[in-house]
Amino acid sequence: PDPLGKSSRVEPAPVRGSMSSGAVVKSAVEAKYTQALAQLLSSSEANASDQGAAFRGLREVLGTLESQCEDEDIEETMVKVYLRVCQEGALSLLIKALTTHPDSLDVAESGTELLRVLARAPENQHAIWEAGGIKLIVASMNSHSEHVGVQRESCGALRNFSMEDGLEDKIMEDGGVKAIVAAMKCHHSESEVQREACWAIANLSASVACREAVAKEGGLEGVIEAIKKHASVEDVQLEAANAVNNLAATPSNRDQLGTLGAIPAMIEAMAINLESSAVQERMTAALLNMVVDHTTNKAKVVAAG
């Protein structure tokens, strides 16, 4: 079986609003954007607290811009804005801050969130990796392993980076797969962390090497645990189903997923989410991948009802 393609698997920009795309950056919000960017650029030599505040200020302005775009124009418009932010110096400041203040929780959380947002622009994804951004995100995850916000934002950032073809293996080489699985284990009760981690694993598993790495690090168990523990959380189930679907493209993973109890967990989740057509469709697709050329898994599907 083939893994899912990654089209439409990037994080969508938030929606709603009534401002035309042509006016977005030239609107009244332009002054706030300019002020926030200037504050960020002037914080180059500031302490960690001030830099964290500058990151949050710019993120708040970007959120305002997102909310004022027309729904049909938001993706095209905001990609241009995210590119502009990086080109006008924010990326180099983010990299410097995360390098200079590795122990700062404030910088780690606000910085990884901003990187997650900027990585919505495909053109930014490779640039951030080249600047060392992925290694710094992984370092933040390792330094702040018990902080939910850092883990959620970091998993979301790695998920967005994994949309760039060719970056999946680089994310793995930089320690991203190991860090994502560790986040799932440490924060197994946090549905938002599980959703972002499963989504990241689904994207990364377009790569054969990443599928093998996920299994080696214990990610198969992590995805199954997410299905079981968050059975009534639709978003988690959707991303976990996609993860299983892609992971099952590797025969040894199909064996292990079946042995670990993925099939009854998925069928139970489908029963709990009967009113969600999306969960039914994605879980069914994942189960179909699980049983390809696999008599034992077929029998388990039948046995699970």
C-alpha atoms as a PDB file:
ATOM      1  CA  PRO A   1       0.000   0.000   0.000  1.00  0.00           C
ATOM      2  CA  ASP A   2       1.036   3.567  -0.576  1.00  0.00           C
ATOM      3  CA  PRO A   3       1.037   6.263   2.102  1.00  0.00           C
ATOM      4  CA  LEU A   4      -1.298   9.216   1.789  1.00  0.00           C
ATOM      5  CA  GLY A   5      -0.037  12.152  -0.187  1.00  0.00           C
ATOM      6  CA  LYS A   6       0.700  15.311   1.774  1.00  0.00           C
ATOM      7  CA  SER A   7      -1.565  17.615  -0.212  1.00  0.00           C
ATOM      8  CA  SER A   8      -3.850  19.520   2.157  1.00  0.00           C
ATOM      9  CA  ARG A   9      -1.875  18.166   5.080  1.00  0.00           C
ATOM     10  CA  VAL A  10      -0.324  21.496   6.044  1.00  0.00           C
ATOM     11  CA  GLU A  11      -1.856  23.443   8.883  1.00  0.00           C
ATOM     12  CA  PRO A  12      -4.485  25.803   7.485  1.00  0.00           C
ATOM     13  CA  ALA A  13      -4.245  29.441   8.430  1.00  0.00           C
ATOM     14  CA  PRO A  14      -7.003  30.533  10.846  1.00  0.00           C
ATOM     15  CA  VAL A  15     -10.056  31.949   9.113  1.00  0.00           C
ATOM     16  CA  ARG A  16     -12.797  34.612   9.234  1.00  0.00           C
ATOM     17  CA  GLY A  17     -12.961  38.264   8.387  1.00  0.00           C
ATOM     18  CA  SER A  18     -13.957  40.802   5.793  1.00  0.00           C
ATOM     19  CA  MET A  19     -10.822  42.568   4.558  1.00  0.00           C
ATOM     20  CA  SER A  20      -9.821  42.119   0.935  1.00  0.00           C
ATOM     21  CA  SER A  21      -6.438  40.506   0.356  1.00  0.00           C
ATOM     22  CA  GLY A  22      -5.068  43.439  -1.607  1.00  0.00           C
ATOM     23  CA  ALA A  23      -5.530  45.705   1.380  1.00  0.00           C
ATOM     24  CA  VAL A  24      -4.308  43.432   4.142  1.00  0.00           C
ATOM     25  CA  VAL A  25      -0.726  44.565   4.648  1.00  0.00           C
ATOM     26  CA  LYS A  26      -1.560  48.143   3.582  1.00  0.00           C
ATOM     27  CA  SER A  27      -4.403  48.443   6.044  1.00  0.00           C
ATOM     28  CA  ALA A  28      -4.500  50.066   9.449  1.00  0.00           C
ATOM     29  CA  VAL A  29      -2.883  46.891  10.766  1.00  0.00           C
ATOM     30  CA  GLU A  30       0.257  47.799   8.801  1.00  0.00           C
ATOM     31  CA  ALA A  31       1.259  50.259  11.508  1.00  0.00           C
ATOM     32  CA  LYS A  32       0.891  47.599  14.189  1.00  0.00           C
ATOM     33  CA  TYR A  33       2.867  45.127  12.082  1.00  0.00           C
ATOM     34  CA  THR A  34       5.660  47.656  11.538  1.00  0.00           C
ATOM     35  CA  GLN A  35       5.746  48.455  15.243  1.00  0.00           C
ATOM     36  CA  ALA A  36       5.793  44.780  16.261  1.00  0.00           C
ATOM     37  CA  LEU A  37       8.549  43.939  13.789  1.00  0.00           C
ATOM     38  CA  ALA A  38      10.586  46.949  14.909  1.00  0.00           C
ATOM     39  CA  GLN A  39      10.197  45.857  18.523  1.00  0.00           C
ATOM     40  CA  LEU A  40      11.377  42.382  17.572  1.00  0.00           C
ATOM     41  CA  LEU A  41      14.385  43.624  15.610  1.00  0.00           C
ATOM     42  CA  SER A  42      15.362  46.022  18.397  1.00  0.00           C
ATOM     43  CA  SER A  43      15.268  43.155  20.903  1.00  0.00           C
ATOM     44  CA  SER A  44      18.371  41.561  19.392  1.00  0.00           C
ATOM     45  CA  GLU A  45      20.456  42.190  22.508  1.00  0.00           C
ATOM     46  CA  ALA A  46      17.549  42.111  24.965  1.00  0.00           C
ATOM     47  CA  ASN A  47      17.000  39.646  27.771  1.00  0.00           C
ATOM     48  CA  ALA A  48      14.959  36.493  27.263  1.00  0.00           C
ATOM     49  CA  SER A  49      11.791  37.974  28.752  1.00  0.00           C
ATOM     50  CA  ASP A  50      11.802  40.955  26.396  1.00  0.00           C
ATOM     51  CA  GLN A  51      12.515  38.794  23.386  1.00  0.00           C
ATOM     52  CA  GLY A  52       9.693  36.453  24.317  1.00  0.00           C
ATOM     53  CA  ALA A  53       7.373  39.448  24.584  1.00  0.00           C
ATOM     54  CA  ALA A  54       8.520  40.673  21.159  1.00  0.00           C
ATOM     55  CA  PHE A  55       7.781  37.263  19.604  1.00  0.00           C
ATOM     56  CA  ARG A  56       4.318  37.223  21.153  1.00  0.00           C
ATOM     57  CA  GLY A  57       3.662  40.770  19.956  1.00  0.00           C
ATOM     58  CA  LEU A  58       4.462  39.880  16.353  1.00  0.00           C
ATOM     59  CA  ARG A  59       2.410  36.693  16.587  1.00  0.00           C
ATOM     60  CA  GLU A  60      -0.564  38.690  17.873  1.00  0.00           C
ATOM     61  CA  VAL A  61      -0.361  41.054  14.890  1.00  0.00           C
ATOM     62  CA  LEU A  62      -0.142  38.127  12.474  1.00  0.00           C
ATOM     63  CA  GLY A  63      -3.252  36.710  14.133  1.00  0.00           C
ATOM     64  CA  THR A  64      -5.031  40.019  13.535  1.00  0.00           C
ATOM     65  CA  LEU A  65      -4.054  39.930   9.875  1.00  0.00           C
ATOM     66  CA  GLU A  66      -5.277  36.347   9.579  1.00  0.00           C
ATOM     67  CA  SER A  67      -8.627  37.251  11.120  1.00  0.00           C
ATOM     68  CA  GLN A  68      -9.175  40.126   8.686  1.00  0.00           C
ATOM     69  CA  CYS A  69      -8.577  38.224   5.461  1.00  0.00           C
ATOM     70  CA  GLU A  70     -11.403  37.049   3.246  1.00  0.00           C
ATOM     71  CA  ASP A  71     -11.785  33.294   3.694  1.00  0.00           C
ATOM     72  CA  GLU A  72     -11.071  32.561   0.041  1.00  0.00           C
ATOM     73  CA  ASP A  73      -7.930  34.722   0.020  1.00  0.00           C
ATOM     74  CA  ILE A  74      -6.416  33.913   3.377  1.00  0.00           C
ATOM     75  CA  GLU A  75      -3.917  31.250   2.357  1.00  0.00           C
ATOM     76  CA  GLU A  76      -2.452  33.175  -0.583  1.00  0.00           C
ATOM     77  CA  THR A  77      -2.409  36.451   1.329  1.00  0.00           C
ATOM     78  CA  MET A  78      -0.898  35.157   4.544  1.00  0.00           C
ATOM     79  CA  VAL A  79       1.810  33.170   2.754  1.00  0.00           C
ATOM     80  CA  LYS A  80       3.022  36.485   1.362  1.00  0.00           C
ATOM     81  CA  VAL A  81       2.950  37.989   4.842  1.00  0.00           C
ATOM     82  CA  TYR A  82       4.863  35.058   6.376  1.00  0.00           C
ATOM     83  CA  LEU A  83       7.489  35.402   3.639  1.00  0.00           C
ATOM     84  CA  ARG A  84       7.755  39.115   4.317  1.00  0.00           C
ATOM     85  CA  VAL A  85       8.276  38.523   8.035  1.00  0.00           C
ATOM     86  CA  CYS A  86      11.223  36.218   7.378  1.00  0.00           C
ATOM     87  CA  GLN A  87      12.718  38.452   4.704  1.00  0.00           C
ATOM     88  CA  GLU A  88      12.576  41.515   6.945  1.00  0.00           C
ATOM     89  CA  GLY A  89      14.741  39.948   9.619  1.00  0.00           C
ATOM     90  CA  ALA A  90      12.487  38.015  11.980  1.00  0.00           C
ATOM     91  CA  LEU A  91      13.968  34.637  11.107  1.00  0.00           C
ATOM     92  CA  SER A  92      17.536  35.589  11.968  1.00  0.00           C
ATOM     93  CA  LEU A  93      16.316  37.052  15.289  1.00  0.00           C
ATOM     94  CA  LEU A  94      14.380  33.889  16.102  1.00  0.00           C
ATOM     95  CA  ILE A  95      17.408  31.730  15.405  1.00  0.00           C
ATOM     96  CA  LYS A  96      19.654  33.976  17.481  1.00  0.00           C
ATOM     97  CA  ALA A  97      17.237  34.079  20.425  1.00  0.00           C
ATOM     98  CA  LEU A  98      16.733  30.315  20.536  1.00  0.00           C
ATOM     99  CA  THR A  99      20.513  29.865  20.336  1.00  0.00           C
ATOM    100  CA  THR A 100      21.320  32.510  22.969  1.00  0.00           C
ATOM    101  CA  HIS A 101      18.585  31.579  25.462  1.00  0.00           C
ATOM    102  CA  PRO A 102      18.258  27.775  25.289  1.00  0.00           C
ATOM    103  CA  ASP A 103      17.043  27.557  28.894  1.00  0.00           C
ATOM    104  CA  SER A 104      14.359  30.221  28.578  1.00  0.00           C
ATOM    105  CA  LEU A 105      10.882  28.727  28.629  1.00  0.00           C
ATOM    106  CA  ASP A 106       9.460  32.047  27.435  1.00  0.00           C
ATOM    107  CA  VAL A 107      11.687  32.168  24.344  1.00  0.00           C
ATOM    108  CA  ALA A 108      11.166  28.458  23.646  1.00  0.00           C
ATOM    109  CA  GLU A 109       7.370  28.615  23.678  1.00  0.00           C
ATOM    110  CA  SER A 110       6.912  31.929  21.876  1.00  0.00           C
ATOM    111  CA  GLY A 111       9.761  31.232  19.451  1.00  0.00           C
ATOM    112  CA  THR A 112       8.591  27.768  18.411  1.00  0.00           C
ATOM    113  CA  GLU A 113       5.042  29.083  17.986  1.00  0.00           C
ATOM    114  CA  LEU A 114       6.259  31.814  15.649  1.00  0.00           C
ATOM    115  CA  LEU A 115       8.352  29.317  13.678  1.00  0.00           C
ATOM    116  CA  ARG A 116       5.287  27.091  13.378  1.00  0.00           C
ATOM    117  CA  VAL A 117       3.313  29.955  11.901  1.00  0.00           C
ATOM    118  CA  LEU A 118       6.059  31.112   9.537  1.00  0.00           C
ATOM    119  CA  ALA A 119       6.453  27.547   8.279  1.00  0.00           C
ATOM    120  CA  ARG A 120       2.952  27.740   6.817  1.00  0.00           C
ATOM    121  CA  ALA A 121       4.685  29.392   3.847  1.00  0.00           C
ATOM    122  CA  PRO A 122       6.348  26.635   1.783  1.00  0.00           C
ATOM    123  CA  GLU A 123       9.175  28.972   0.750  1.00  0.00           C
ATOM    124  CA  ASN A 124      10.075  29.507   4.404  1.00  0.00           C
ATOM    125  CA  GLN A 125      10.333  25.845   5.324  1.00  0.00           C
ATOM    126  CA  HIS A 126      13.668  25.072   3.685  1.00  0.00           C
ATOM    127  CA  ALA A 127      15.096  28.471   4.677  1.00  0.00           C
ATOM    128  CA  ILE A 128      14.312  27.816   8.328  1.00  0.00           C
ATOM    129  CA  TRP A 129      15.937  24.382   8.145  1.00  0.00           C
ATOM    130  CA  GLU A 130      19.058  25.842   6.496  1.00  0.00           C
ATOM    131  CA  ALA A 131      19.275  28.408   9.298  1.00  0.00           C
ATOM    132  CA  GLY A 132      19.287  25.617  11.871  1.00  0.00           C
ATOM    133  CA  GLY A 133      15.701  26.151  12.957  1.00  0.00           C
ATOM    134  CA  ILE A 134      14.715  22.497  13.136  1.00  0.00           C
ATOM    135  CA  LYS A 135      17.689  21.589  15.326  1.00  0.00           C
ATOM    136  CA  LEU A 136      16.788  24.471  17.634  1.00  0.00           C
ATOM    137  CA  ILE A 137      13.167  23.344  17.852  1.00  0.00           C
ATOM    138  CA  VAL A 138      14.311  19.848  18.789  1.00  0.00           C
ATOM    139  CA  ALA A 139      16.703  21.338  21.352  1.00  0.00           C
ATOM    140  CA  SER A 140      13.803  23.308  22.868  1.00  0.00           C
ATOM    141  CA  MET A 141      11.720  20.138  23.056  1.00  0.00           C
ATOM    142  CA  ASN A 142      14.556  18.342  24.829  1.00  0.00           C
ATOM    143  CA  SER A 143      15.220  21.215  27.248  1.00  0.00           C
ATOM    144  CA  HIS A 144      11.546  21.763  28.101  1.00  0.00           C
ATOM    145  CA  SER A 145      10.220  18.241  27.779  1.00  0.00           C
ATOM    146  CA  GLU A 146       7.569  18.648  30.489  1.00  0.00           C
ATOM    147  CA  HIS A 147       6.070  21.885  29.169  1.00  0.00           C
ATOM    148  CA  VAL A 148       2.872  21.293  27.201  1.00  0.00           C
ATOM    149  CA  GLY A 149       3.037  24.539  25.236  1.00  0.00           C
ATOM    150  CA  VAL A 150       6.577  24.007  23.964  1.00  0.00           C
ATOM    151  CA  GLN A 151       5.776  20.429  22.952  1.00  0.00           C
ATOM    152  CA  ARG A 152       2.519  21.368  21.222  1.00  0.00           C
ATOM    153  CA  GLU A 153       4.005  24.266  19.259  1.00  0.00           C
ATOM    154  CA  SER A 154       7.161  22.326  18.394  1.00  0.00           C
ATOM    155  CA  CYS A 155       5.251  19.311  17.108  1.00  0.00           C
ATOM    156  CA  GLY A 156       3.109  21.694  15.063  1.00  0.00           C
ATOM    157  CA  ALA A 157       6.197  23.364  13.647  1.00  0.00           C
ATOM    158  CA  LEU A 158       7.791  20.041  12.677  1.00  0.00           C
ATOM    159  CA  ARG A 159       4.509  19.002  11.075  1.00  0.00           C
ATOM    160  CA  ASN A 160       4.538  22.120   8.896  1.00  0.00           C
ATOM    161  CA  PHE A 161       8.192  21.662   7.969  1.00  0.00           C
ATOM    162  CA  SER A 162       7.473  18.086   6.919  1.00  0.00           C
ATOM    163  CA  MET A 163       5.302  19.424   4.088  1.00  0.00           C
ATOM    164  CA  GLU A 164       8.451  20.352   2.185  1.00  0.00           C
ATOM    165  CA  ASP A 165       9.484  17.361   0.072  1.00  0.00           C
ATOM    166  CA  GLY A 166      12.952  16.262   1.086  1.00  0.00           C
ATOM    167  CA  LEU A 167      12.762  17.721   4.577  1.00  0.00           C
ATOM    168  CA  GLU A 168      11.228  14.608   6.157  1.00  0.00           C
ATOM    169  CA  ASP A 169      14.543  12.792   6.373  1.00  0.00           C
ATOM    170  CA  LYS A 170      16.368  15.939   7.479  1.00  0.00           C
ATOM    171  CA  ILE A 171      13.869  16.373  10.311  1.00  0.00           C
ATOM    172  CA  MET A 172      14.560  12.771  11.303  1.00  0.00           C
ATOM    173  CA  GLU A 173      18.330  13.305  11.109  1.00  0.00           C
ATOM    174  CA  ASP A 174      18.012  16.405  13.305  1.00  0.00           C
ATOM    175  CA  GLY A 175      16.258  14.360  15.992  1.00  0.00           C
ATOM    176  CA  GLY A 176      12.698  15.396  15.164  1.00  0.00           C
ATOM    177  CA  VAL A 177      11.115  11.940  15.078  1.00  0.00           C
ATOM    178  CA  LYS A 178      12.615  10.996  18.445  1.00  0.00           C
ATOM    179  CA  ALA A 179      11.471  14.292  19.986  1.00  0.00           C
ATOM    180  CA  ILE A 180       7.914  13.933  18.655  1.00  0.00           C
ATOM    181  CA  VAL A 181       7.568  10.412  20.045  1.00  0.00           C
ATOM    182  CA  ALA A 182       9.014  11.559  23.371  1.00  0.00           C
ATOM    183  CA  ALA A 183       6.402  14.337  23.499  1.00  0.00           C
ATOM    184  CA  MET A 184       3.633  11.795  22.930  1.00  0.00           C
ATOM    185  CA  LYS A 185       4.902   9.619  25.777  1.00  0.00           C
ATOM    186  CA  CYS A 186       5.397  12.491  28.224  1.00  0.00           C
ATOM    187  CA  HIS A 187       2.075  14.193  27.458  1.00  0.00           C
ATOM    188  CA  HIS A 188      -0.177  11.242  26.689  1.00  0.00           C
ATOM    189  CA  SER A 189      -3.154  12.935  28.371  1.00  0.00           C
ATOM    190  CA  GLU A 190      -2.874  16.187  26.389  1.00  0.00           C
ATOM    191  CA  SER A 191      -5.099  15.905  23.334  1.00  0.00           C
ATOM    192  CA  GLU A 192      -3.568  18.918  21.550  1.00  0.00           C
ATOM    193  CA  VAL A 193      -0.057  17.498  21.841  1.00  0.00           C
ATOM    194  CA  GLN A 194      -1.324  14.137  20.586  1.00  0.00           C
ATOM    195  CA  ARG A 195      -3.092  15.732  17.627  1.00  0.00           C
ATOM    196  CA  GLU A 196      -0.029  17.713  16.566  1.00  0.00           C
ATOM    197  CA  ALA A 197       2.286  14.721  17.074  1.00  0.00           C
ATOM    198  CA  CYS A 198       0.074  12.337  15.096  1.00  0.00           C
ATOM    199  CA  TRP A 199      -0.262  14.911  12.328  1.00  0.00           C
ATOM    200  CA  ALA A 200       3.515  15.326  12.205  1.00  0.00           C
ATOM    201  CA  ILE A 201       4.036  11.552  12.120  1.00  0.00           C
ATOM    202  CA  ALA A 202       1.493  11.223   9.300  1.00  0.00           C
ATOM    203  CA  ASN A 203       3.379  13.787   7.205  1.00  0.00           C
ATOM    204  CA  LEU A 204       6.829  12.433   8.039  1.00  0.00           C
ATOM    205  CA  SER A 205       5.713   8.902   7.189  1.00  0.00           C
ATOM    206  CA  ALA A 206       5.619   9.761   3.514  1.00  0.00           C
ATOM    207  CA  SER A 207       9.317   8.814   3.876  1.00  0.00           C
ATOM    208  CA  VAL A 208      10.275   5.144   4.158  1.00  0.00           C
ATOM    209  CA  ALA A 209      13.173   5.988   6.474  1.00  0.00           C
ATOM    210  CA  CYS A 210      10.903   8.036   8.743  1.00  0.00           C
ATOM    211  CA  ARG A 211       8.364   5.217   8.971  1.00  0.00           C
ATOM    212  CA  GLU A 212      11.132   2.933  10.166  1.00  0.00           C
ATOM    213  CA  ALA A 213      12.399   5.568  12.622  1.00  0.00           C
ATOM    214  CA  VAL A 214       8.925   6.099  14.086  1.00  0.00           C
ATOM    215  CA  ALA A 215       8.651   2.379  14.775  1.00  0.00           C
ATOM    216  CA  LYS A 216      12.158   2.223  16.263  1.00  0.00           C
ATOM    217  CA  GLU A 217      11.450   5.106  18.656  1.00  0.00           C
ATOM    218  CA  GLY A 218       8.154   3.638  19.873  1.00  0.00           C
ATOM    219  CA  GLY A 219       5.897   5.848  17.796  1.00  0.00           C
ATOM    220  CA  LEU A 220       3.585   3.001  16.796  1.00  0.00           C
ATOM    221  CA  GLU A 221       2.731   2.487  20.442  1.00  0.00           C
ATOM    222  CA  GLY A 222       2.310   6.243  20.822  1.00  0.00           C
ATOM    223  CA  VAL A 223      -0.228   6.497  18.004  1.00  0.00           C
ATOM    224  CA  ILE A 224      -2.207   3.515  19.307  1.00  0.00           C
ATOM    225  CA  GLU A 225      -2.231   5.026  22.799  1.00  0.00           C
ATOM    226  CA  ALA A 226      -3.536   8.303  21.343  1.00  0.00           C
ATOM    227  CA  ILE A 227      -6.372   6.427  19.633  1.00  0.00           C
ATOM    228  CA  LYS A 228      -7.307   4.684  22.882  1.00  0.00           C
ATOM    229  CA  LYS A 229      -6.884   7.555  25.338  1.00  0.00           C
ATOM    230  CA  HIS A 230      -8.548  10.217  23.171  1.00  0.00           C
ATOM    231  CA  ALA A 231     -11.175   8.069  21.495  1.00  0.00           C
ATOM    232  CA  SER A 232     -13.846  10.773  21.671  1.00  0.00           C
ATOM    233  CA  VAL A 233     -11.625  13.608  20.398  1.00  0.00           C
ATOM    234  CA  GLU A 234     -12.323  13.818  16.678  1.00  0.00           C
ATOM    235  CA  ASP A 235      -9.216  15.802  15.733  1.00  0.00           C
ATOM    236  CA  VAL A 236      -6.927  13.280  17.413  1.00  0.00           C
ATOM    237  CA  GLN A 237      -8.692  10.383  15.708  1.00  0.00           C
ATOM    238  CA  LEU A 238      -8.399  11.999  12.278  1.00  0.00           C
ATOM    239  CA  GLU A 239      -4.665  12.580  12.571  1.00  0.00           C
ATOM    240  CA  ALA A 240      -4.018   9.212  14.227  1.00  0.00           C
ATOM    241  CA  ALA A 241      -5.862   7.462  11.397  1.00  0.00           C
ATOM    242  CA  ASN A 242      -3.704   9.265   8.846  1.00  0.00           C
ATOM    243  CA  ALA A 243      -0.599   8.282  10.805  1.00  0.00           C
ATOM    244  CA  VAL A 244      -1.601   4.603  10.860  1.00  0.00           C
ATOM    245  CA  ASN A 245      -2.459   4.717   7.168  1.00  0.00           C
ATOM    246  CA  ASN A 246       0.982   6.009   6.234  1.00  0.00           C
ATOM    247  CA  LEU A 247       2.921   3.925   8.747  1.00  0.00           C
ATOM    248  CA  ALA A 248       1.209   0.768   7.497  1.00  0.00           C
ATOM    249  CA  ALA A 249       2.768   1.260   4.061  1.00  0.00           C
ATOM    250  CA  THR A 250       5.818  -0.521   5.530  1.00  0.00           C
ATOM    251  CA  PRO A 251       5.133  -4.276   5.913  1.00  0.00           C
ATOM    252  CA  SER A 252       6.988  -4.632   9.219  1.00  0.00           C
ATOM    253  CA  ASN A 253       4.905  -1.782  10.636  1.00  0.00           C
ATOM    254  CA  ARG A 254       1.706  -3.577   9.589  1.00  0.00           C
ATOM    255  CA  ASP A 255       2.902  -6.593  11.541  1.00  0.00           C
ATOM    256  CA  GLN A 256       3.752  -4.557  14.613  1.00  0.00           C
ATOM    257  CA  LEU A 257       0.612  -2.395  14.533  1.00  0.00           C
ATOM    258  CA  GLY A 258      -1.489  -5.546  14.400  1.00  0.00           C
ATOM    259  CA  THR A 259       0.428  -7.141  17.268  1.00  0.00           C
ATOM    260  CA  LEU A 260       0.180  -4.008  19.404  1.00  0.00           C
ATOM    261  CA  GLY A 261      -3.621  -3.885  19.155  1.00  0.00           C
ATOM    262  CA  ALA A 262      -4.165  -1.097  16.643  1.00  0.00           C
ATOM    263  CA  ILE A 263      -7.095  -2.828  14.940  1.00  0.00           C
ATOM    264  CA  PRO A 264      -9.479  -3.205  17.904  1.00  0.00           C
ATOM    265  CA  ALA A 265      -8.519   0.277  19.104  1.00  0.00           C
ATOM    266  CA  MET A 266      -9.406   1.757  15.709  1.00  0.00           C
ATOM    267  CA  ILE A 267     -12.686  -0.120  15.436  1.00  0.00           C
ATOM    268  CA  GLU A 268     -13.631   0.995  18.952  1.00  0.00           C
ATOM    269  CA  ALA A 269     -12.832   4.587  17.982  1.00  0.00           C
ATOM    270  CA  MET A 270     -15.074   4.260  14.930  1.00  0.00           C
ATOM    271  CA  ALA A 271     -17.899   3.055  17.147  1.00  0.00           C
ATOM    272  CA  ILE A 272     -17.438   6.029  19.469  1.00  0.00           C
ATOM    273  CA  ASN A 273     -17.345   8.478  16.541  1.00  0.00           C
ATOM    274  CA  LEU A 274     -20.261   7.104  14.516  1.00  0.00           C
ATOM    275  CA  GLU A 275     -21.532  10.581  13.684  1.00  0.00           C
ATOM    276  CA  SER A 276     -18.204  11.717  12.220  1.00  0.00           C
ATOM    277  CA  SER A 277     -18.040  10.735   8.561  1.00  0.00           C
ATOM    278  CA  ALA A 278     -14.442  11.957   8.423  1.00  0.00           C
ATOM    279  CA  VAL A 279     -13.341   9.598  11.207  1.00  0.00           C
ATOM    280  CA  GLN A 280     -15.191   6.715   9.557  1.00  0.00           C
ATOM    281  CA  GLU A 281     -13.545   7.385   6.199  1.00  0.00           C
ATOM    282  CA  ARG A 282     -10.009   7.830   7.499  1.00  0.00           C
ATOM    283  CA  MET A 283     -10.129   4.897   9.890  1.00  0.00           C
ATOM    284  CA  THR A 284     -11.524   2.692   7.115  1.00  0.00           C
ATOM    285  CA  ALA A 285      -8.696   3.747   4.799  1.00  0.00           C
ATOM    286  CA  ALA A 286      -6.146   2.979   7.516  1.00  0.00           C
ATOM    287  CA  LEU A 287      -7.673  -0.443   8.186  1.00  0.00           C
ATOM    288  CA  LEU A 288      -7.567  -1.233   4.467  1.00  0.00           C
ATOM    289  CA  ASN A 289      -3.851  -0.465   4.455  1.00  0.00           C
ATOM    290  CA  MET A 290      -3.407  -2.622   7.559  1.00  0.00           C
ATOM    291  CA  VAL A 291      -4.862  -5.727   5.887  1.00  0.00           C
ATOM    292  CA  VAL A 292      -3.095  -5.557   2.513  1.00  0.00           C
ATOM    293  CA  ASP A 293      -1.311  -8.894   2.016  1.00  0.00           C
ATOM    294  CA  HIS A 294      -1.788  -9.620   5.709  1.00  0.00           C
ATOM    295  CA  THR A 295      -3.993 -12.595   6.593  1.00  0.00           C
ATOM    296  CA  THR A 296      -3.493 -12.186  10.345  1.00  0.00           C
ATOM    297  CA  ASN A 297      -4.641  -8.565  10.331  1.00  0.00           C
ATOM    298  CA  LYS A 298      -7.661  -9.474   8.213  1.00  0.00           C
ATOM    299  CA  ALA A 299      -8.633 -12.041  10.813  1.00  0.00           C
ATOM    300  CA  LYS A 300      -8.216  -9.446  13.557  1.00  0.00           C
ATOM    301  CA  VAL A 301     -10.561  -7.058  11.748  1.00  0.00           C
ATOM    302  CA  VAL A 302     -13.177  -9.783  11.532  1.00  0.00           C
ATOM    303  CA  ALA A 303     -12.691 -10.726  15.163  1.00  0.00           C
ATOM    304  CA  ALA A 304     -13.009  -7.097  16.292  1.00  0.00           C
ATOM    305  CA  GLY A 305     -16.349  -6.823  14.534  1.00  0.00           C
END
